[in-house]
C-alpha atoms as a PDB file:
ATOM      1  CA  UNK A   1     128.099 162.898 113.484  1.00  0.00           C
ATOM      2  CA  UNK A   2     127.626 165.586 116.058  1.00  0.00           C
ATOM      3  CA  UNK A   3     128.756 169.307 116.415  1.00  0.00           C
ATOM      4  CA  UNK A   4     132.269 169.798 117.044  1.00  0.00           C
ATOM      5  CA  UNK A   5     133.455 172.440 119.350  1.00  0.00           C
ATOM      6  CA  UNK A   6     136.919 174.333 119.725  1.00  0.00           C
ATOM      7  CA  UNK A   7     137.911 176.318 123.054  1.00  0.00           C
ATOM      8  CA  UNK A   8     140.090 179.137 122.700  1.00  0.00           C
ATOM      9  CA  UNK A   9     142.144 180.907 125.646  1.00  0.00           C
ATOM     10  CA  UNK A  10     143.712 184.191 125.666  1.00  0.00           C
ATOM     11  CA  UNK A  11     145.875 184.306 128.844  1.00  0.00           C
ATOM     12  CA  UNK A  12     147.335 187.386 129.845  1.00  0.00           C
ATOM     13  CA  UNK A  13     149.256 189.145 132.857  1.00  0.00           C
ATOM     14  CA  UNK A  14     145.775 190.206 134.489  1.00  0.00           C
ATOM     15  CA  UNK A  15     142.763 187.916 132.985  1.00  0.00           C
ATOM     16  CA  UNK A  16     141.767 185.109 131.315  1.00  0.00           C
ATOM     17  CA  UNK A  17     139.451 185.229 128.057  1.00  0.00           C
ATOM     18  CA  UNK A  18     137.683 182.191 126.900  1.00  0.00           C
ATOM     19  CA  UNK A  19     135.363 181.375 123.806  1.00  0.00           C
ATOM     20  CA  UNK A  20     133.985 178.359 122.694  1.00  0.00           C
ATOM     21  CA  UNK A  21     133.878 178.123 118.833  1.00  0.00           C
ATOM     22  CA  UNK A  22     131.327 175.743 117.035  1.00  0.00           C
ATOM     23  CA  UNK A  23     131.902 174.218 113.347  1.00  0.00           C
ATOM     24  CA  UNK A  24     130.923 177.636 111.692  1.00  0.00           C
ATOM     25  CA  UNK A  25     133.750 179.390 113.582  1.00  0.00           C
ATOM     26  CA  UNK A  26     131.285 181.475 115.314  1.00  0.00           C
ATOM     27  CA  UNK A  27     131.603 182.164 119.281  1.00  0.00           C
ATOM     28  CA  UNK A  28     128.694 180.546 120.894  1.00  0.00           C
ATOM     29  CA  UNK A  29     129.981 181.372 124.610  1.00  0.00           C
ATOM     30  CA  UNK A  30     132.449 183.186 126.013  1.00  0.00           C
ATOM     31  CA  UNK A  31     133.774 183.924 129.245  1.00  0.00           C
ATOM     32  CA  UNK A  32     136.183 186.393 131.082  1.00  0.00           C
ATOM     33  CA  UNK A  33     138.191 186.104 134.222  1.00  0.00           C
ATOM     34  CA  UNK A  34     140.856 188.000 136.448  1.00  0.00           C
ATOM     35  CA  UNK A  35     143.852 186.316 136.867  1.00  0.00           C
ATOM     36  CA  UNK A  36     147.185 187.187 139.240  1.00  0.00           C
ATOM     37  CA  UNK A  37     150.370 186.780 137.500  1.00  0.00           C
ATOM     38  CA  UNK A  38     152.389 186.679 140.642  1.00  0.00           C
ATOM     39  CA  UNK A  39     151.488 183.448 141.884  1.00  0.00           C
ATOM     40  CA  UNK A  40     152.991 179.985 141.428  1.00  0.00           C
ATOM     41  CA  UNK A  41     153.028 178.414 137.972  1.00  0.00           C
ATOM     42  CA  UNK A  42     150.298 175.419 139.240  1.00  0.00           C
ATOM     43  CA  UNK A  43     148.258 178.574 140.139  1.00  0.00           C
ATOM     44  CA  UNK A  44     147.835 179.995 136.834  1.00  0.00           C
ATOM     45  CA  UNK A  45     147.540 176.255 135.439  1.00  0.00           C
ATOM     46  CA  UNK A  46     144.513 176.150 137.924  1.00  0.00           C
ATOM     47  CA  UNK A  47     142.912 179.202 136.561  1.00  0.00           C
ATOM     48  CA  UNK A  48     143.071 178.170 132.911  1.00  0.00           C
ATOM     49  CA  UNK A  49     141.603 174.994 133.674  1.00  0.00           C
ATOM     50  CA  UNK A  50     139.092 176.290 136.055  1.00  0.00           C
ATOM     51  CA  UNK A  51     137.923 178.431 133.070  1.00  0.00           C
ATOM     52  CA  UNK A  52     137.955 175.974 130.489  1.00  0.00           C
ATOM     53  CA  UNK A  53     135.846 173.599 132.897  1.00  0.00           C
ATOM     54  CA  UNK A  54     133.288 176.166 133.718  1.00  0.00           C
ATOM     55  CA  UNK A  55     132.711 176.917 130.181  1.00  0.00           C
ATOM     56  CA  UNK A  56     132.355 173.228 129.404  1.00  0.00           C
ATOM     57  CA  UNK A  57     129.924 173.491 132.141  1.00  0.00           C
ATOM     58  CA  UNK A  58     127.878 176.731 131.811  1.00  0.00           C
ATOM     59  CA  UNK A  59     127.337 176.373 128.034  1.00  0.00           C
ATOM     60  CA  UNK A  60     126.065 172.904 128.436  1.00  0.00           C
ATOM     61  CA  UNK A  61     128.268 171.091 125.814  1.00  0.00           C
ATOM     62  CA  UNK A  62     128.869 167.617 125.983  1.00  0.00           C
ATOM     63  CA  UNK A  63     132.767 166.623 126.664  1.00  0.00           C
ATOM     64  CA  UNK A  64     132.635 164.181 123.668  1.00  0.00           C
ATOM     65  CA  UNK A  65     131.919 166.817 121.374  1.00  0.00           C
ATOM     66  CA  UNK A  66     135.146 168.668 122.042  1.00  0.00           C
ATOM     67  CA  UNK A  67     137.580 168.691 119.325  1.00  0.00           C
ATOM     68  CA  UNK A  68     140.445 170.735 120.443  1.00  0.00           C
ATOM     69  CA  UNK A  69     141.611 173.622 122.793  1.00  0.00           C
ATOM     70  CA  UNK A  70     144.185 176.441 121.930  1.00  0.00           C
ATOM     71  CA  UNK A  71     145.832 178.874 124.209  1.00  0.00           C
ATOM     72  CA  UNK A  72     148.188 181.871 124.229  1.00  0.00           C
ATOM     73  CA  UNK A  73     150.962 182.776 126.637  1.00  0.00           C
ATOM     74  CA  UNK A  74     152.789 185.957 126.922  1.00  0.00           C
ATOM     75  CA  UNK A  75     156.560 185.332 125.909  1.00  0.00           C
ATOM     76  CA  UNK A  76     158.785 182.555 124.590  1.00  0.00           C
ATOM     77  CA  UNK A  77     156.791 179.491 123.661  1.00  0.00           C
ATOM     78  CA  UNK A  78     158.207 176.213 122.266  1.00  0.00           C
ATOM     79  CA  UNK A  79     155.117 175.956 119.907  1.00  0.00           C
ATOM     80  CA  UNK A  80     155.997 172.583 118.710  1.00  0.00           C
ATOM     81  CA  UNK A  81     155.874 170.962 122.476  1.00  0.00           C
ATOM     82  CA  UNK A  82     153.716 173.123 124.119  1.00  0.00           C
ATOM     83  CA  UNK A  83     156.449 174.733 126.377  1.00  0.00           C
ATOM     84  CA  UNK A  84     156.347 177.913 127.901  1.00  0.00           C
ATOM     85  CA  UNK A  85     160.058 178.552 127.837  1.00  0.00           C
ATOM     86  CA  UNK A  86     159.831 182.206 129.390  1.00  0.00           C
ATOM     87  CA  UNK A  87     157.243 184.774 130.184  1.00  0.00           C
ATOM     88  CA  UNK A  88     158.049 187.983 131.865  1.00  0.00           C
ATOM     89  CA  UNK A  89     154.741 188.837 133.208  1.00  0.00           C
ATOM     90  CA  UNK A  90     153.715 185.050 134.416  1.00  0.00           C
ATOM     91  CA  UNK A  91     155.107 182.519 136.556  1.00  0.00           C
ATOM     92  CA  UNK A  92     156.399 180.216 134.123  1.00  0.00           C
ATOM     93  CA  UNK A  93     159.840 178.720 132.947  1.00  0.00           C
ATOM     94  CA  UNK A  94     160.415 175.850 130.745  1.00  0.00           C
ATOM     95  CA  UNK A  95     156.641 175.194 131.490  1.00  0.00           C
ATOM     96  CA  UNK A  96     154.727 171.964 130.110  1.00  0.00           C
ATOM     97  CA  UNK A  97     151.264 173.712 129.949  1.00  0.00           C
ATOM     98  CA  UNK A  98     150.102 171.238 126.839  1.00  0.00           C
ATOM     99  CA  UNK A  99     151.104 168.347 129.197  1.00  0.00           C
ATOM    100  CA  UNK A 100     148.747 169.201 131.762  1.00  0.00           C
ATOM    101  CA  UNK A 101     145.916 170.147 129.659  1.00  0.00           C
ATOM    102  CA  UNK A 102     145.817 167.131 127.454  1.00  0.00           C
ATOM    103  CA  UNK A 103     145.956 164.976 130.765  1.00  0.00           C
ATOM    104  CA  UNK A 104     143.036 167.156 131.966  1.00  0.00           C
ATOM    105  CA  UNK A 105     140.954 167.209 128.821  1.00  0.00           C
ATOM    106  CA  UNK A 106     142.147 164.255 126.448  1.00  0.00           C
ATOM    107  CA  UNK A 107     142.033 166.505 123.721  1.00  0.00           C
ATOM    108  CA  UNK A 108     144.584 168.046 121.521  1.00  0.00           C
ATOM    109  CA  UNK A 109     145.782 171.311 122.823  1.00  0.00           C
ATOM    110  CA  UNK A 110     147.781 173.907 120.948  1.00  0.00           C
ATOM    111  CA  UNK A 111     149.690 176.895 122.431  1.00  0.00           C
ATOM    112  CA  UNK A 112     151.470 180.049 120.942  1.00  0.00           C
ATOM    113  CA  UNK A 113     152.708 183.430 121.686  1.00  0.00           C
ATOM    114  CA  UNK A 114     149.924 185.786 122.561  1.00  0.00           C
ATOM    115  CA  UNK A 115     150.666 188.624 120.066  1.00  0.00           C
ATOM    116  CA  UNK A 116     151.923 185.680 117.201  1.00  0.00           C
ATOM    117  CA  UNK A 117     148.166 184.408 117.807  1.00  0.00           C
ATOM    118  CA  UNK A 118     146.656 187.775 117.594  1.00  0.00           C
ATOM    119  CA  UNK A 119     148.258 188.737 114.484  1.00  0.00           C
ATOM    120  CA  UNK A 120     147.575 185.371 113.038  1.00  0.00           C
ATOM    121  CA  UNK A 121     143.987 185.971 113.969  1.00  0.00           C
ATOM    122  CA  UNK A 122     143.485 189.669 112.557  1.00  0.00           C
ATOM    123  CA  UNK A 123     145.340 187.768 109.242  1.00  0.00           C
ATOM    124  CA  UNK A 124     142.829 185.230 108.809  1.00  0.00           C
ATOM    125  CA  UNK A 125     139.438 186.745 110.407  1.00  0.00           C
ATOM    126  CA  UNK A 126     139.813 190.644 110.641  1.00  0.00           C
ATOM    127  CA  UNK A 127     141.906 193.304 109.574  1.00  0.00           C
ATOM    128  CA  UNK A 128     144.913 191.517 108.093  1.00  0.00           C
ATOM    129  CA  UNK A 129     142.808 189.581 105.308  1.00  0.00           C
ATOM    130  CA  UNK A 130     144.032 190.211 102.127  1.00  0.00           C
ATOM    131  CA  UNK A 131     147.410 191.514 103.090  1.00  0.00           C
ATOM    132  CA  UNK A 132     150.865 189.380 102.773  1.00  0.00           C
ATOM    133  CA  UNK A 133     153.477 191.049 105.184  1.00  0.00           C
ATOM    134  CA  UNK A 134     152.060 192.374 108.189  1.00  0.00           C
ATOM    135  CA  UNK A 135     153.977 193.879 111.412  1.00  0.00           C
ATOM    136  CA  UNK A 136     151.697 193.475 114.701  1.00  0.00           C
ATOM    137  CA  UNK A 137     152.246 195.614 117.911  1.00  0.00           C
ATOM    138  CA  UNK A 138     149.875 194.287 120.450  1.00  0.00           C
ATOM    139  CA  UNK A 139     149.575 197.133 123.550  1.00  0.00           C
ATOM    140  CA  UNK A 140     148.549 195.326 126.920  1.00  0.00           C
ATOM    141  CA  UNK A 141     150.381 194.505 130.230  1.00  0.00           C
ATOM    142  CA  UNK A 142     153.177 193.822 128.341  1.00  0.00           C
ATOM    143  CA  UNK A 143     154.052 194.626 124.399  1.00  0.00           C
ATOM    144  CA  UNK A 144     154.217 191.984 121.893  1.00  0.00           C
ATOM    145  CA  UNK A 145     155.116 191.591 118.462  1.00  0.00           C
ATOM    146  CA  UNK A 146     153.834 189.237 115.763  1.00  0.00           C
ATOM    147  CA  UNK A 147     154.683 188.905 111.833  1.00  0.00           C
ATOM    148  CA  UNK A 148     153.217 187.594 108.896  1.00  0.00           C
ATOM    149  CA  UNK A 149     155.829 187.241 106.161  1.00  0.00           C
ATOM    150  CA  UNK A 150     154.992 186.237 102.613  1.00  0.00           C
ATOM    151  CA  UNK A 151     151.499 185.278 103.704  1.00  0.00           C
ATOM    152  CA  UNK A 152     152.552 183.435 106.606  1.00  0.00           C
ATOM    153  CA  UNK A 153     152.735 183.678 110.371  1.00  0.00           C
ATOM    154  CA  UNK A 154     156.473 184.151 110.952  1.00  0.00           C
ATOM    155  CA  UNK A 155     157.868 182.179 114.142  1.00  0.00           C
ATOM    156  CA  UNK A 156     161.805 182.440 113.355  1.00  0.00           C
ATOM    157  CA  UNK A 157     164.021 179.867 114.845  1.00  0.00           C
ATOM    158  CA  UNK A 158     162.736 177.446 117.455  1.00  0.00           C
ATOM    159  CA  UNK A 159     159.552 179.809 117.730  1.00  0.00           C
ATOM    160  CA  UNK A 160     161.230 182.724 119.092  1.00  0.00           C
ATOM    161  CA  UNK A 161     160.931 185.325 116.766  1.00  0.00           C
ATOM    162  CA  UNK A 162     159.130 188.790 116.803  1.00  0.00           C
ATOM    163  CA  UNK A 163     160.089 189.766 120.304  1.00  0.00           C
ATOM    164  CA  UNK A 164     160.216 193.400 119.051  1.00  0.00           C
ATOM    165  CA  UNK A 165     158.456 194.733 122.550  1.00  0.00           C
ATOM    166  CA  UNK A 166     162.061 193.832 123.588  1.00  0.00           C
ATOM    167  CA  UNK A 167     163.866 195.976 121.088  1.00  0.00           C
ATOM    168  CA  UNK A 168     165.920 198.328 122.911  1.00  0.00           C
ATOM    169  CA  UNK A 169     165.009 202.271 122.414  1.00  0.00           C
ATOM    170  CA  UNK A 170     167.314 203.645 125.126  1.00  0.00           C
ATOM    171  CA  UNK A 171     169.931 201.626 126.718  1.00  0.00           C
ATOM    172  CA  UNK A 172     169.586 203.925 129.992  1.00  0.00           C
ATOM    173  CA  UNK A 173     166.065 203.728 129.749  1.00  0.00           C
ATOM    174  CA  UNK A 174     163.757 202.695 132.598  1.00  0.00           C
ATOM    175  CA  UNK A 175     164.197 199.113 133.625  1.00  0.00           C
ATOM    176  CA  UNK A 176     161.629 196.152 131.804  1.00  0.00           C
ATOM    177  CA  UNK A 177     160.761 193.266 133.381  1.00  0.00           C
ATOM    178  CA  UNK A 178     163.096 191.151 131.078  1.00  0.00           C
ATOM    179  CA  UNK A 179     165.849 192.783 132.877  1.00  0.00           C
ATOM    180  CA  UNK A 180     167.000 194.942 130.331  1.00  0.00           C
ATOM    181  CA  UNK A 181     166.565 198.801 129.848  1.00  0.00           C
ATOM    182  CA  UNK A 182     165.028 201.053 127.716  1.00  0.00           C
ATOM    183  CA  UNK A 183     162.717 198.262 125.471  1.00  0.00           C
ATOM    184  CA  UNK A 184     159.755 199.485 124.295  1.00  0.00           C
ATOM    185  CA  UNK A 185     157.467 197.572 126.603  1.00  0.00           C
ATOM    186  CA  UNK A 186     159.137 199.423 129.298  1.00  0.00           C
ATOM    187  CA  UNK A 187     157.887 202.873 127.797  1.00  0.00           C
ATOM    188  CA  UNK A 188     154.887 201.769 125.861  1.00  0.00           C
ATOM    189  CA  UNK A 189     152.846 198.813 127.515  1.00  0.00           C
ATOM    190  CA  UNK A 190     150.359 199.211 130.649  1.00  0.00           C
ATOM    191  CA  UNK A 191     153.391 198.482 132.824  1.00  0.00           C
ATOM    192  CA  UNK A 192     155.588 201.194 131.218  1.00  0.00           C
ATOM    193  CA  UNK A 193     152.567 203.626 131.452  1.00  0.00           C
ATOM    194  CA  UNK A 194     152.066 202.564 135.283  1.00  0.00           C
ATOM    195  CA  UNK A 195     155.747 203.028 136.282  1.00  0.00           C
ATOM    196  CA  UNK A 196     155.835 206.765 134.496  1.00  0.00           C
ATOM    197  CA  UNK A 197     152.716 207.615 136.258  1.00  0.00           C
ATOM    198  CA  UNK A 198     153.930 206.307 139.823  1.00  0.00           C
ATOM    199  CA  UNK A 199     157.242 208.059 139.288  1.00  0.00           C
ATOM    200  CA  UNK A 200     155.492 211.500 138.663  1.00  0.00           C
ATOM    201  CA  UNK A 201     153.130 210.948 141.933  1.00  0.00           C
ATOM    202  CA  UNK A 202     156.026 210.127 143.943  1.00  0.00           C
ATOM    203  CA  UNK A 203     157.523 213.493 142.988  1.00  0.00           C
ATOM    204  CA  UNK A 204     154.630 215.105 144.219  1.00  0.00           C
ATOM    205  CA  UNK A 205     152.485 215.735 141.324  1.00  0.00           C
ATOM    206  CA  UNK A 206     148.441 214.804 141.692  1.00  0.00           C
ATOM    207  CA  UNK A 207     147.015 212.059 139.063  1.00  0.00           C
ATOM    208  CA  UNK A 208     143.557 210.563 139.084  1.00  0.00           C
ATOM    209  CA  UNK A 209     145.426 207.483 138.271  1.00  0.00           C
ATOM    210  CA  UNK A 210     147.531 207.433 141.327  1.00  0.00           C
ATOM    211  CA  UNK A 211     145.435 204.557 143.124  1.00  0.00           C
ATOM    212  CA  UNK A 212     145.071 202.451 139.832  1.00  0.00           C
ATOM    213  CA  UNK A 213     148.883 202.237 139.606  1.00  0.00           C
ATOM    214  CA  UNK A 214     149.810 202.140 143.286  1.00  0.00           C
ATOM    215  CA  UNK A 215     150.375 198.164 143.598  1.00  0.00           C
ATOM    216  CA  UNK A 216     150.519 197.380 139.632  1.00  0.00           C
ATOM    217  CA  UNK A 217     148.978 198.024 136.162  1.00  0.00           C
ATOM    218  CA  UNK A 218     146.059 199.960 135.732  1.00  0.00           C
ATOM    219  CA  UNK A 219     142.826 198.823 133.901  1.00  0.00           C
ATOM    220  CA  UNK A 220     142.161 200.303 130.948  1.00  0.00           C
ATOM    221  CA  UNK A 221     139.009 202.084 131.541  1.00  0.00           C
ATOM    222  CA  UNK A 222     140.756 203.914 134.326  1.00  0.00           C
ATOM    223  CA  UNK A 223     142.957 205.379 131.795  1.00  0.00           C
ATOM    224  CA  UNK A 224     140.079 206.314 129.477  1.00  0.00           C
ATOM    225  CA  UNK A 225     138.385 208.265 132.128  1.00  0.00           C
ATOM    226  CA  UNK A 226     141.552 210.017 133.626  1.00  0.00           C
ATOM    227  CA  UNK A 227     142.346 211.052 130.073  1.00  0.00           C
ATOM    228  CA  UNK A 228     138.754 212.478 129.309  1.00  0.00           C
ATOM    229  CA  UNK A 229     138.724 214.303 132.629  1.00  0.00           C
ATOM    230  CA  UNK A 230     141.901 215.967 131.502  1.00  0.00           C
ATOM    231  CA  UNK A 231     144.722 214.364 133.639  1.00  0.00           C
ATOM    232  CA  UNK A 232     148.039 215.774 132.848  1.00  0.00           C
ATOM    233  CA  UNK A 233     150.274 212.990 134.342  1.00  0.00           C
ATOM    234  CA  UNK A 234     147.767 210.488 132.184  1.00  0.00           C
ATOM    235  CA  UNK A 235     148.333 212.254 129.125  1.00  0.00           C
ATOM    236  CA  UNK A 236     151.969 212.322 129.449  1.00  0.00           C
ATOM    237  CA  UNK A 237     152.121 208.394 129.980  1.00  0.00           C
ATOM    238  CA  UNK A 238     150.115 208.104 126.629  1.00  0.00           C
ATOM    239  CA  UNK A 239     152.269 210.863 124.761  1.00  0.00           C
ATOM    240  CA  UNK A 240     154.998 209.216 125.998  1.00  0.00           C
ATOM    241  CA  UNK A 241     154.235 205.707 124.994  1.00  0.00           C
ATOM    242  CA  UNK A 242     152.823 206.696 121.743  1.00  0.00           C
ATOM    243  CA  UNK A 243     156.170 208.333 120.665  1.00  0.00           C
ATOM    244  CA  UNK A 244     158.330 205.095 121.474  1.00  0.00           C
ATOM    245  CA  UNK A 245     155.638 203.009 119.499  1.00  0.00           C
ATOM    246  CA  UNK A 246     156.170 205.739 116.659  1.00  0.00           C
ATOM    247  CA  UNK A 247     159.834 204.917 116.885  1.00  0.00           C
ATOM    248  CA  UNK A 248     159.488 201.190 116.835  1.00  0.00           C
ATOM    249  CA  UNK A 249     156.904 201.569 113.999  1.00  0.00           C
ATOM    250  CA  UNK A 250     159.567 203.363 111.860  1.00  0.00           C
ATOM    251  CA  UNK A 251     162.431 201.091 112.604  1.00  0.00           C
ATOM    252  CA  UNK A 252     159.940 197.861 111.912  1.00  0.00           C
ATOM    253  CA  UNK A 253     158.802 199.624 108.593  1.00  0.00           C
ATOM    254  CA  UNK A 254     162.460 200.242 107.249  1.00  0.00           C
ATOM    255  CA  UNK A 255     163.311 196.551 108.322  1.00  0.00           C
ATOM    256  CA  UNK A 256     160.280 194.671 107.002  1.00  0.00           C
ATOM    257  CA  UNK A 257     158.649 196.796 104.139  1.00  0.00           C
ATOM    258  CA  UNK A 258     155.051 195.727 105.241  1.00  0.00           C
ATOM    259  CA  UNK A 259     152.221 196.047 103.495  1.00  0.00           C
ATOM    260  CA  UNK A 260     150.237 196.601 107.034  1.00  0.00           C
ATOM    261  CA  UNK A 261     150.915 197.518 110.628  1.00  0.00           C
ATOM    262  CA  UNK A 262     148.500 196.442 113.179  1.00  0.00           C
ATOM    263  CA  UNK A 263     147.845 197.988 116.624  1.00  0.00           C
ATOM    264  CA  UNK A 264     145.916 195.734 118.861  1.00  0.00           C
ATOM    265  CA  UNK A 265     145.481 194.878 122.729  1.00  0.00           C
ATOM    266  CA  UNK A 266     143.634 196.074 125.583  1.00  0.00           C
ATOM    267  CA  UNK A 267     145.201 199.628 125.148  1.00  0.00           C
ATOM    268  CA  UNK A 268     144.528 200.302 121.954  1.00  0.00           C
ATOM    269  CA  UNK A 269     141.193 198.718 122.076  1.00  0.00           C
ATOM    270  CA  UNK A 270     140.184 200.954 125.228  1.00  0.00           C
ATOM    271  CA  UNK A 271     141.829 204.186 123.526  1.00  0.00           C
ATOM    272  CA  UNK A 272     140.142 203.715 120.077  1.00  0.00           C
ATOM    273  CA  UNK A 273     141.647 205.984 117.413  1.00  0.00           C
ATOM    274  CA  UNK A 274     143.623 208.081 119.651  1.00  0.00           C
ATOM    275  CA  UNK A 275     146.773 205.765 120.140  1.00  0.00           C
ATOM    276  CA  UNK A 276     146.711 205.512 116.304  1.00  0.00           C
ATOM    277  CA  UNK A 277     146.405 209.246 115.829  1.00  0.00           C
ATOM    278  CA  UNK A 278     149.337 210.163 117.960  1.00  0.00           C
ATOM    279  CA  UNK A 279     151.361 207.384 116.146  1.00  0.00           C
ATOM    280  CA  UNK A 280     150.373 208.686 112.875  1.00  0.00           C
ATOM    281  CA  UNK A 281     151.423 211.749 113.755  1.00  0.00           C
ATOM    282  CA  UNK A 282     155.129 211.063 114.484  1.00  0.00           C
ATOM    283  CA  UNK A 283     155.821 207.571 112.632  1.00  0.00           C
ATOM    284  CA  UNK A 284     157.047 209.391 109.327  1.00  0.00           C
ATOM    285  CA  UNK A 285     159.905 211.127 111.005  1.00  0.00           C
ATOM    286  CA  UNK A 286     161.446 207.515 111.513  1.00  0.00           C
ATOM    287  CA  UNK A 287     161.209 205.711 108.371  1.00  0.00           C
ATOM    288  CA  UNK A 288     162.192 206.045 104.812  1.00  0.00           C
ATOM    289  CA  UNK A 289     159.526 207.809 102.885  1.00  0.00           C
ATOM    290  CA  UNK A 290     159.747 205.823  99.784  1.00  0.00           C
ATOM    291  CA  UNK A 291     159.048 202.830 102.209  1.00  0.00           C
ATOM    292  CA  UNK A 292     156.438 204.579 104.343  1.00  0.00           C
ATOM    293  CA  UNK A 293     154.578 205.365 101.174  1.00  0.00           C
ATOM    294  CA  UNK A 294     153.438 201.541 100.766  1.00  0.00           C
ATOM    295  CA  UNK A 295     152.413 200.842 104.468  1.00  0.00           C
ATOM    296  CA  UNK A 296     148.979 201.221 105.860  1.00  0.00           C
ATOM    297  CA  UNK A 297     148.846 201.844 109.783  1.00  0.00           C
ATOM    298  CA  UNK A 298     145.488 200.023 111.313  1.00  0.00           C
ATOM    299  CA  UNK A 299     143.428 199.231 114.582  1.00  0.00           C
ATOM    300  CA  UNK A 300     142.984 195.503 115.075  1.00  0.00           C
ATOM    301  CA  UNK A 301     139.344 194.658 113.725  1.00  0.00           C
ATOM    302  CA  UNK A 302     138.638 192.005 116.280  1.00  0.00           C
ATOM    303  CA  UNK A 303     139.424 193.757 119.545  1.00  0.00           C
ATOM    304  CA  UNK A 304     139.665 191.429 122.443  1.00  0.00           C
ATOM    305  CA  UNK A 305     138.916 188.649 120.200  1.00  0.00           C
ATOM    306  CA  UNK A 306     142.082 188.538 118.117  1.00  0.00           C
ATOM    307  CA  UNK A 307     143.786 185.845 120.093  1.00  0.00           C
ATOM    308  CA  UNK A 308     140.888 183.628 120.524  1.00  0.00           C
ATOM    309  CA  UNK A 309     140.847 183.794 116.844  1.00  0.00           C
ATOM    310  CA  UNK A 310     144.320 182.946 116.601  1.00  0.00           C
ATOM    311  CA  UNK A 311     143.759 180.091 118.439  1.00  0.00           C
ATOM    312  CA  UNK A 312     141.007 179.054 116.045  1.00  0.00           C
ATOM    313  CA  UNK A 313     143.565 179.392 113.161  1.00  0.00           C
ATOM    314  CA  UNK A 314     146.072 177.218 114.720  1.00  0.00           C
ATOM    315  CA  UNK A 315     143.768 174.241 115.663  1.00  0.00           C
ATOM    316  CA  UNK A 316     142.673 174.457 111.955  1.00  0.00           C
ATOM    317  CA  UNK A 317     146.098 174.385 110.580  1.00  0.00           C
ATOM    318  CA  UNK A 318     146.266 178.194 108.901  1.00  0.00           C
ATOM    319  CA  UNK A 319     149.541 179.112 107.976  1.00  0.00           C
END
């Protein structure tokens, strides 16, 4: 019996990451492609299929040795049937992505919420190993949440749980893509920070980020460069994002009493420990000391690969 391979995909609002895992759970090939989240469903599907096909072709693996494919999507996922019910940052609604992928590749296909999969990956392969109750915040184009409770990924009724990126922190706050105002995502995601920077530039303030946010969200590397240059508007956007993340973290600590809170996603990866330091400076104000004292706060260990490893965990049937 020959080597069997699993392909795991991370589909975000602006990019698709892919990795091929061998039977030892090692990444032997990876690929990253930009995607546009404002096209039709079929366009995003085409990018996913094209990335998968290119990975098979360029890595040289035999299609007959492909075991399974797993992918994430941001939003509410019917995990049992592989249907994306709603995602605020991609053009999918009640979309049968699993059917399309199984038809194309003829192997089992798994799909889950992106941050659920990121937390699952960190729980089994990263910083979450050894913990039983985990709250995850993944800061990217949007803001996702994922929960491990009593040693198992918690997805709630019909896989819809942990959308606390849309907990409303200020009912009169900025508009979110979900249609509400004042969600954590509207303050603390790349979209939220970009909107703040655009607003300040429109008021006549100067920022190195002006061009980066003119037509959408910035790339994380540009934010890092602006911060290094002492860009005041960029610093305010990050401080504002971390303030509301601290408030949300305090709320989740009081609600769940986790033993670990994980911060992941592209923005966290780019900013290093800066985001965690800013959250740690404030979070104690927003939760009970007796609960806070038994919680650790850490950055994700797997970086861009958290969700890819979560896909592998789904394929392997890990809880």
